[in-house]
């Protein structure tokens, strides 16, 4: 793995010199009509866009970096290589387009910095088995310095001997292919011990199918680096649906209201939030399955632990599988769709099944080497629900609104 890391850094350093030469051409080096002031203003514009992009990317993707470490580690390299391509393309365009392209490349490098920095921190914690994160980072920085120096020396030779456009693009393509290829192999070789959404799908579906608990190394062989966020997938089969965890209570109530049964027969029909809350009164979460969107909505209660978060996700996975098994096809006229009462019975039955097997499964997960103390199922800032007893009168929408007021949702920062 260290050889792959060194090779990708070496190739990236040489490719970076080729793109740097293109940037200098874009700034006007070698052009008699270019001015130092114009180059300075272009640098300032690119830097401002990069800083703003850093703030936006950190706000949008920051919470997901620990949960999806492998995805964003590889995505960082894709962002960086895309920025190099834009840099090399920029000299061929007019000045106005060139400025836009250089600003876009700066934004991609900002995304690379956010994704790469956050995922690297998570990987450092993963590899520091003895808690020696500082020592590990120091050695990693030393290795990067040596490889970067060697890449600069080799890149100086390459840049001085490659001047034509075709030779530049062929060299850049080969270097980036080596860079991304070695990074992909390195990322797929990492066996993280935390259970994010995808690994929870893989491990738990294998447990319910075979009774065996996969180790982190075994689960890593089945991982998809760029899996769609929130997918509920049973083993290697197709997608069962999607799930959202840590949402507001109003989102769950809205999911109840969107039932075709309630829309057809009136707001007073179907399952009420009171009935659903009674099913989960001894749990630290509530969930419901939206048949139309094939979406499981999960609300987490206050003081929910990482293990209870995992239970809610496993419940969503098992529920989606049972619904697919009992109602495999849905007609365009809502035929063969389960009624809300049938859905509630399925939710209750699947909860009973999970309750009998989840505690033994936790012990076996710990024995297989999984870290269950880290909560990495939420990829956005989540909410916690506090349900208080309230006096409820009326029916339908008024009743649902009363329940929504009885539950306080607050952001988990």
Protein backbone atom coordinates (compact mmCIF):
# COMPACT_ATOMS: atom_id res chain seq x y z
CA UNK A 1 0.00 0.00 0.00
CA UNK A 2 2.91 2.35 0.73
CA UNK A 3 4.28 1.69 -2.78
CA UNK A 4 0.90 2.61 -4.27
CA UNK A 5 0.75 5.77 -2.18
CA UNK A 6 4.26 6.77 -3.25
CA UNK A 7 3.54 6.07 -6.93
CA UNK A 8 0.34 8.12 -6.96
CA UNK A 9 2.04 11.06 -5.24
CA UNK A 10 4.98 10.85 -7.65
CA UNK A 11 2.76 10.88 -10.75
CA UNK A 12 0.59 13.66 -9.31
CA UNK A 13 3.66 15.85 -8.72
CA UNK A 14 4.76 15.55 -12.35
CA UNK A 15 1.23 16.19 -13.63
CA UNK A 16 1.04 19.21 -11.34
CA UNK A 17 4.09 20.75 -13.03
CA UNK A 18 2.48 20.36 -16.45
CA UNK A 19 -0.67 22.10 -15.24
CA UNK A 20 1.39 24.82 -13.51
CA UNK A 21 3.08 25.62 -16.80
CA UNK A 22 -0.34 25.95 -18.44
CA UNK A 23 -1.49 28.26 -15.64
CA UNK A 24 1.52 30.51 -16.16
CA UNK A 25 0.68 30.67 -19.85
CA UNK A 26 -2.86 31.60 -18.89
CA UNK A 27 -1.52 34.37 -16.67
CA UNK A 28 0.32 35.80 -19.67
CA UNK A 29 3.88 34.53 -19.31
CA UNK A 30 5.47 34.82 -22.75
CA UNK A 31 2.81 37.25 -23.99
CA UNK A 32 4.14 40.73 -24.72
CA UNK A 33 0.68 42.25 -24.27
CA UNK A 34 0.19 40.81 -20.77
CA UNK A 35 0.84 42.88 -17.65
CA UNK A 36 1.90 41.99 -14.14
CA UNK A 37 -1.15 43.80 -12.77
CA UNK A 38 -3.50 41.70 -14.89
CA UNK A 39 -1.84 38.50 -13.72
CA UNK A 40 -2.10 39.68 -10.11
CA UNK A 41 -5.80 40.47 -10.45
CA UNK A 42 -6.41 37.08 -12.02
CA UNK A 43 -4.60 35.42 -9.12
CA UNK A 44 -6.72 37.37 -6.63
CA UNK A 45 -9.95 36.40 -8.41
CA UNK A 46 -8.94 32.74 -8.45
CA UNK A 47 -7.96 32.85 -4.78
CA UNK A 48 -11.23 34.51 -3.74
CA UNK A 49 -13.30 31.93 -5.59
CA UNK A 50 -11.24 29.13 -4.01
CA UNK A 51 -11.77 30.47 -0.49
CA UNK A 52 -15.51 30.83 -0.99
CA UNK A 53 -15.67 27.34 -2.46
CA UNK A 54 -13.80 25.97 0.55
CA UNK A 55 -16.42 27.42 2.90
CA UNK A 56 -19.33 26.10 0.82
CA UNK A 57 -17.86 22.63 0.38
CA UNK A 58 -17.02 22.35 4.08
CA UNK A 59 -20.59 23.34 4.98
CA UNK A 60 -22.17 20.94 2.50
CA UNK A 61 -19.93 17.88 2.73
CA UNK A 62 -18.26 18.26 6.13
CA UNK A 63 -20.65 16.00 8.09
CA UNK A 64 -20.28 13.21 5.50
CA UNK A 65 -16.48 13.06 5.44
CA UNK A 66 -16.14 10.68 8.36
CA UNK A 67 -19.07 8.51 7.33
CA UNK A 68 -17.93 8.20 3.70
CA UNK A 69 -14.17 8.40 4.13
CA UNK A 70 -13.23 6.16 1.22
CA UNK A 71 -15.59 7.86 -1.21
CA UNK A 72 -14.33 11.37 -0.49
CA UNK A 73 -10.68 10.30 -0.39
CA UNK A 74 -10.93 9.11 -3.98
CA UNK A 75 -13.21 12.00 -4.94
CA UNK A 76 -10.49 14.41 -3.76
CA UNK A 77 -8.11 12.98 -6.36
CA UNK A 78 -10.78 13.21 -9.05
CA UNK A 79 -11.33 16.88 -8.17
CA UNK A 80 -7.60 17.58 -8.26
CA UNK A 81 -7.04 15.87 -11.61
CA UNK A 82 -10.08 17.65 -13.09
CA UNK A 83 -8.56 20.96 -11.98
CA UNK A 84 -5.32 20.06 -13.79
CA UNK A 85 -7.25 19.32 -16.98
CA UNK A 86 -8.96 22.72 -16.82
CA UNK A 87 -5.59 24.39 -16.24
CA UNK A 88 -4.10 22.73 -19.31
CA UNK A 89 -7.14 23.65 -21.41
CA UNK A 90 -7.21 27.31 -20.35
CA UNK A 91 -4.43 28.70 -22.64
CA UNK A 92 -6.42 27.60 -25.72
CA UNK A 93 -9.40 29.86 -24.90
CA UNK A 94 -9.98 33.64 -24.97
CA UNK A 95 -9.14 35.62 -21.87
CA UNK A 96 -12.71 35.88 -20.55
CA UNK A 97 -13.25 32.12 -20.83
CA UNK A 98 -9.76 31.49 -19.46
CA UNK A 99 -10.54 33.42 -16.29
CA UNK A 100 -13.70 31.38 -15.77
CA UNK A 101 -11.84 28.10 -16.31
CA UNK A 102 -9.07 29.03 -13.88
CA UNK A 103 -11.65 30.00 -11.26
CA UNK A 104 -13.40 26.66 -11.78
CA UNK A 105 -10.10 24.84 -11.35
CA UNK A 106 -9.54 26.78 -8.14
CA UNK A 107 -12.95 25.66 -6.90
CA UNK A 108 -12.13 22.04 -7.69
CA UNK A 109 -8.86 22.33 -5.78
CA UNK A 110 -10.80 23.77 -2.86
CA UNK A 111 -13.12 20.75 -2.96
CA UNK A 112 -10.04 18.54 -3.09
CA UNK A 113 -8.64 20.26 -0.01
CA UNK A 114 -11.85 19.81 1.98
CA UNK A 115 -12.50 16.21 0.91
CA UNK A 116 -8.87 15.17 1.08
CA UNK A 117 -8.15 16.84 4.40
CA UNK A 118 -11.23 15.50 6.17
CA UNK A 119 -10.89 11.96 4.84
CA UNK A 120 -7.16 11.91 5.57
CA UNK A 121 -7.87 12.78 9.21
CA UNK A 122 -10.32 9.86 9.48
CA UNK A 123 -7.83 7.50 7.86
CA UNK A 124 -5.11 8.65 10.25
CA UNK A 125 -7.32 7.75 13.21
CA UNK A 126 -8.05 4.39 11.58
CA UNK A 127 -4.39 3.49 11.05
CA UNK A 128 -3.22 4.81 14.42
CA UNK A 129 -4.05 1.61 16.32
CA UNK A 130 -2.01 2.72 19.35
CA UNK A 131 -3.42 6.25 19.35
CA UNK A 132 -0.22 7.68 17.87
CA UNK A 133 -1.95 9.98 15.40
CA UNK A 134 0.71 12.68 15.73
CA UNK A 135 3.55 10.29 14.96
CA UNK A 136 1.65 8.82 12.03
CA UNK A 137 0.95 12.25 10.51
CA UNK A 138 4.57 13.31 10.98
CA UNK A 139 5.87 10.23 9.16
CA UNK A 140 3.26 10.62 6.43
CA UNK A 141 4.26 14.26 5.91
CA UNK A 142 7.92 13.25 5.68
CA UNK A 143 7.09 10.62 3.09
CA UNK A 144 5.06 13.12 1.05
CA UNK A 145 7.95 15.60 1.20
CA UNK A 146 10.45 13.08 -0.13
CA UNK A 147 8.12 11.82 -2.87
CA UNK A 148 7.17 15.38 -3.80
CA UNK A 149 10.84 16.35 -4.10
CA UNK A 150 11.55 13.36 -6.33
CA UNK A 151 8.49 14.20 -8.41
CA UNK A 152 9.64 17.79 -8.86
CA UNK A 153 13.08 16.66 -10.02
CA UNK A 154 11.62 14.16 -12.46
CA UNK A 155 8.95 16.66 -13.50
CA UNK A 156 11.58 19.29 -14.29
CA UNK A 157 13.11 16.87 -16.78
CA UNK A 158 9.71 16.01 -18.27
CA UNK A 159 8.57 19.63 -18.60
CA UNK A 160 11.83 20.71 -20.24
CA UNK A 161 11.56 17.97 -22.88
CA UNK A 162 7.81 18.13 -23.55
CA UNK A 163 6.59 21.28 -25.22
CA UNK A 164 4.10 20.28 -27.91
CA UNK A 165 0.39 20.18 -27.16
CA UNK A 166 -0.06 16.52 -28.09
CA UNK A 167 2.92 15.38 -26.04
CA UNK A 168 1.65 17.37 -23.07
CA UNK A 169 -1.81 15.80 -23.22
CA UNK A 170 -0.49 12.28 -23.71
CA UNK A 171 1.83 12.68 -20.73
CA UNK A 172 -0.91 14.22 -18.59
CA UNK A 173 -3.35 11.43 -19.47
CA UNK A 174 -0.85 8.69 -18.61
CA UNK A 175 0.16 10.36 -15.35
CA UNK A 176 -3.43 10.87 -14.24
CA UNK A 177 -4.33 7.29 -15.18
CA UNK A 178 -1.52 6.06 -12.93
CA UNK A 179 -2.56 8.52 -10.21
CA UNK A 180 -6.23 7.54 -10.15
CA UNK A 181 -5.58 3.84 -10.72
CA UNK A 182 -3.17 3.50 -7.80
CA UNK A 183 -5.42 5.61 -5.58
CA UNK A 184 -8.42 3.43 -6.40
CA UNK A 185 -6.50 0.29 -5.46
CA UNK A 186 -5.25 1.90 -2.26
CA UNK A 187 -8.71 3.07 -1.21
CA UNK A 188 -10.39 -0.26 -1.94
CA UNK A 189 -7.71 -2.03 0.11
CA UNK A 190 -8.64 -0.09 3.26
CA UNK A 191 -10.90 -2.04 5.63
CA UNK A 192 -12.55 0.51 7.92
CA UNK A 193 -13.93 -0.78 11.21
CA UNK A 194 -16.86 1.62 11.52
CA UNK A 195 -20.33 0.73 10.22
CA UNK A 196 -21.56 3.40 7.85
CA UNK A 197 -24.72 2.95 5.78
CA UNK A 198 -23.23 0.78 3.07
CA UNK A 199 -21.19 -1.44 5.38
CA UNK A 200 -24.22 -1.84 7.67
CA UNK A 201 -26.21 -3.05 4.64
CA UNK A 202 -23.49 -5.53 3.69
CA UNK A 203 -22.82 -6.94 7.16
CA UNK A 204 -26.42 -7.11 8.38
CA UNK A 205 -27.84 -8.65 5.21
CA UNK A 206 -25.11 -11.31 5.35
CA UNK A 207 -25.97 -11.98 8.99
CA UNK A 208 -29.69 -12.47 8.33
CA UNK A 209 -28.99 -14.63 5.26
CA UNK A 210 -26.24 -16.89 6.58
CA UNK A 211 -25.98 -16.22 10.32
CA UNK A 212 -22.33 -15.22 9.84
CA UNK A 213 -20.76 -11.87 10.75
CA UNK A 214 -18.39 -10.50 8.12
CA UNK A 215 -15.11 -9.03 9.34
CA UNK A 216 -14.10 -5.52 8.21
CA UNK A 217 -11.72 -7.09 5.67
CA UNK A 218 -14.46 -9.31 4.23
CA UNK A 219 -16.97 -6.45 4.06
CA UNK A 220 -14.44 -4.22 2.27
CA UNK A 221 -14.42 -6.62 -0.69
CA UNK A 222 -18.12 -5.94 -1.28
CA UNK A 223 -18.02 -2.15 -0.91
CA UNK A 224 -18.81 0.24 -3.73
CA UNK A 225 -16.69 3.38 -3.52
CA UNK A 226 -19.32 5.63 -5.07
CA UNK A 227 -22.49 4.05 -3.69
CA UNK A 228 -25.56 6.28 -3.81
CA UNK A 229 -26.20 7.94 -0.47
CA UNK A 230 -28.97 6.42 1.64
CA UNK A 231 -29.47 3.28 -0.45
CA UNK A 232 -30.97 0.19 1.18
CA UNK A 233 -29.36 -2.77 -0.57
CA UNK A 234 -29.64 -6.41 0.49
CA UNK A 235 -26.29 -8.10 -0.18
CA UNK A 236 -25.43 -8.08 -3.87
CA UNK A 237 -29.07 -7.75 -4.97
CA UNK A 238 -30.75 -4.68 -6.35
CA UNK A 239 -31.82 -1.61 -4.45
CA UNK A 240 -34.73 -2.15 -2.06
CA UNK A 241 -35.31 1.54 -1.51
CA UNK A 242 -33.74 4.48 0.28
CA UNK A 243 -33.62 5.74 3.84
CA UNK A 244 -33.19 9.10 5.53
CA UNK A 245 -31.96 9.06 9.12
CA UNK A 246 -32.06 11.87 11.66
CA UNK A 247 -34.88 13.80 9.97
CA UNK A 248 -37.44 16.11 11.57
CA UNK A 249 -40.61 14.69 13.08
CA UNK A 250 -42.62 16.75 10.59
CA UNK A 251 -40.96 14.81 7.74
CA UNK A 252 -42.22 11.53 9.19
CA UNK A 253 -45.74 12.91 9.65
CA UNK A 254 -45.66 14.21 6.08
CA UNK A 255 -44.70 10.70 4.95
CA UNK A 256 -47.77 9.34 6.76
CA UNK A 257 -50.02 11.89 5.05
CA UNK A 258 -48.71 11.06 1.56
CA UNK A 259 -50.24 7.58 1.60
CA UNK A 260 -52.49 6.99 -1.45
CA UNK A 261 -55.02 5.46 0.95
CA UNK A 262 -55.31 8.67 2.96
CA UNK A 263 -55.45 10.86 -0.14
CA UNK A 264 -58.25 8.77 -1.57
CA UNK A 265 -60.36 8.11 1.50
CA UNK A 266 -59.76 11.29 3.49
CA UNK A 267 -57.28 12.73 5.93
CA UNK A 268 -58.78 10.85 8.84
CA UNK A 269 -57.95 7.40 7.44
CA UNK A 270 -54.81 5.38 7.90
CA UNK A 271 -52.21 5.25 10.66
CA UNK A 272 -51.91 8.19 13.03
CA UNK A 273 -48.65 9.40 14.60
CA UNK A 274 -50.07 8.27 17.96
CA UNK A 275 -50.32 4.67 16.78
CA UNK A 276 -46.84 4.78 15.30
CA UNK A 277 -45.36 6.32 18.45
CA UNK A 278 -46.93 3.58 20.56
CA UNK A 279 -45.12 0.94 18.50
CA UNK A 280 -41.77 2.61 19.20
CA UNK A 281 -42.41 3.74 22.78
CA UNK A 282 -39.56 1.55 24.08
CA UNK A 283 -37.16 2.45 21.26
CA UNK A 284 -34.95 5.46 20.66
CA UNK A 285 -36.29 6.04 17.17
CA UNK A 286 -39.39 6.07 14.99
CA UNK A 287 -39.61 5.10 11.33
CA UNK A 288 -42.13 4.77 8.53
CA UNK A 289 -42.08 3.46 4.96
CA UNK A 290 -43.35 5.72 2.18
CA UNK A 291 -44.65 3.33 -0.49
CA UNK A 292 -44.79 5.91 -3.27
CA UNK A 293 -41.16 7.02 -2.89
CA UNK A 294 -39.83 3.69 -1.54
CA UNK A 295 -38.32 5.73 1.26
CA UNK A 296 -37.88 4.87 4.94
CA UNK A 297 -37.98 7.96 7.15
CA UNK A 298 -36.14 7.57 10.47
CA UNK A 299 -36.56 10.01 13.37
CA UNK A 300 -34.04 9.68 16.18
CA UNK A 301 -35.02 10.48 19.75
CA UNK A 302 -32.92 12.39 22.24
CA UNK A 303 -29.88 10.67 23.77
CA UNK A 304 -29.88 7.99 21.08
CA UNK A 305 -26.67 5.94 21.20
CA UNK A 306 -24.62 4.80 18.18
CA UNK A 307 -25.83 1.23 18.73
CA UNK A 308 -29.46 2.39 18.72
CA UNK A 309 -28.81 4.36 15.54
CA UNK A 310 -27.48 1.17 14.00
CA UNK A 311 -30.61 -0.67 15.14
CA UNK A 312 -32.82 1.89 13.40
CA UNK A 313 -30.90 1.44 10.14
CA UNK A 314 -31.03 -2.37 10.38
CA UNK A 315 -34.76 -2.13 11.04
CA UNK A 316 -35.19 0.04 7.93
CA UNK A 317 -33.24 -2.50 5.86
CA UNK A 318 -35.26 -5.47 7.12
CA UNK A 319 -38.54 -3.57 6.71
CA UNK A 320 -37.76 -2.64 3.10
CA UNK A 321 -36.92 -6.27 2.34
CA UNK A 322 -40.13 -7.59 3.88
CA UNK A 323 -42.24 -5.07 1.98
CA UNK A 324 -40.49 -5.98 -1.28
CA UNK A 325 -41.07 -9.68 -0.51
CA UNK A 326 -44.79 -9.35 0.31
CA UNK A 327 -45.62 -6.68 -2.30
CA UNK A 328 -43.07 -7.20 -5.10
CA UNK A 329 -44.95 -5.29 -7.81
CA UNK A 330 -47.08 -2.17 -7.75
CA UNK A 331 -49.60 -1.27 -10.42
CA UNK A 332 -49.86 2.17 -11.95
CA UNK A 333 -53.29 2.56 -10.31
CA UNK A 334 -51.83 1.82 -6.84
CA UNK A 335 -52.99 -1.80 -7.09
CA UNK A 336 -51.10 -4.33 -4.99
CA UNK A 337 -49.92 -1.55 -2.71
CA UNK A 338 -50.14 -2.31 1.01
CA UNK A 339 -52.65 -0.42 3.11
CA UNK A 340 -51.34 1.67 5.97
CA UNK A 341 -52.59 -0.83 8.52
CA UNK A 342 -50.77 -3.61 6.66
CA UNK A 343 -47.65 -1.45 6.68
CA UNK A 344 -48.02 -0.84 10.41
CA UNK A 345 -48.34 -4.57 11.03
CA UNK A 346 -45.18 -5.13 8.97
CA UNK A 347 -43.34 -2.44 10.92
CA UNK A 348 -44.41 -4.03 14.22
CA UNK A 349 -43.49 -7.54 13.07
CA UNK A 350 -40.08 -6.50 11.74
CA UNK A 351 -39.37 -4.65 15.00
CA UNK A 352 -40.09 -7.84 16.95
CA UNK A 353 -37.75 -9.79 14.67
CA UNK A 354 -34.98 -7.21 15.12
CA UNK A 355 -35.49 -7.15 18.87
CA UNK A 356 -34.77 -10.87 19.18
CA UNK A 357 -31.62 -10.89 17.05
CA UNK A 358 -30.05 -7.45 17.47
CA UNK A 359 -28.45 -7.84 20.91
CA UNK A 360 -26.69 -11.13 20.03
CA UNK A 361 -25.62 -9.56 16.74
CA UNK A 362 -23.99 -6.63 18.57
CA UNK A 363 -21.81 -8.97 20.61
CA UNK A 364 -20.70 -10.82 17.51
CA UNK A 365 -19.99 -7.56 15.66
CA UNK A 366 -17.65 -6.46 18.43
CA UNK A 367 -16.00 -9.85 18.39
CA UNK A 368 -15.41 -9.56 14.63
CA UNK A 369 -13.55 -6.29 15.11
CA UNK A 370 -16.22 -3.70 14.37
CA UNK A 371 -16.18 -0.36 16.19
CA UNK A 372 -19.73 0.30 17.38
CA UNK A 373 -18.92 3.43 19.41
CA UNK A 374 -18.64 5.69 16.36
CA UNK A 375 -21.88 7.13 14.96
CA UNK A 376 -21.29 7.38 11.21
CA UNK A 377 -24.75 6.74 9.78
CA UNK A 378 -25.72 10.41 9.39
CA UNK A 379 -24.18 12.28 6.46
CA UNK A 380 -25.90 15.60 7.17
CA UNK A 381 -26.47 17.46 10.45
CA UNK A 382 -29.28 15.48 12.05
CA UNK A 383 -32.20 16.26 14.33
CA UNK A 384 -33.28 14.71 17.60
CA UNK A 385 -36.91 14.34 18.63
CA UNK A 386 -38.29 14.76 22.14
CA UNK A 387 -41.81 13.35 22.43
CA UNK A 388 -43.95 14.79 25.23
CA UNK A 389 -47.44 13.66 26.26
CA UNK A 390 -50.03 16.12 24.91
CA UNK A 391 -53.80 16.24 24.99
CA UNK A 392 -54.94 15.40 21.48
CA UNK A 393 -58.39 16.24 20.15
CA UNK A 394 -59.85 16.17 16.69
CA UNK A 395 -58.83 13.93 13.83
CA UNK A 396 -56.90 13.85 10.61
CA UNK A 397 -54.67 16.83 9.94
CA UNK A 398 -55.48 18.56 13.25
CA UNK A 399 -54.50 15.43 15.15
CA UNK A 400 -51.22 15.12 13.23
CA UNK A 401 -50.40 18.78 13.88
CA UNK A 402 -50.95 18.23 17.59
CA UNK A 403 -48.46 15.36 17.54
CA UNK A 404 -45.96 17.47 15.63
CA UNK A 405 -46.18 20.14 18.31
CA UNK A 406 -45.69 17.49 20.98
CA UNK A 407 -42.33 16.52 19.51
CA UNK A 408 -39.47 18.95 19.65
CA UNK A 409 -36.95 18.58 16.85
CA UNK A 410 -33.55 20.12 17.30
CA UNK A 411 -30.43 20.05 15.22
CA UNK A 412 -27.61 17.81 16.37
CA UNK A 413 -24.56 20.01 15.84
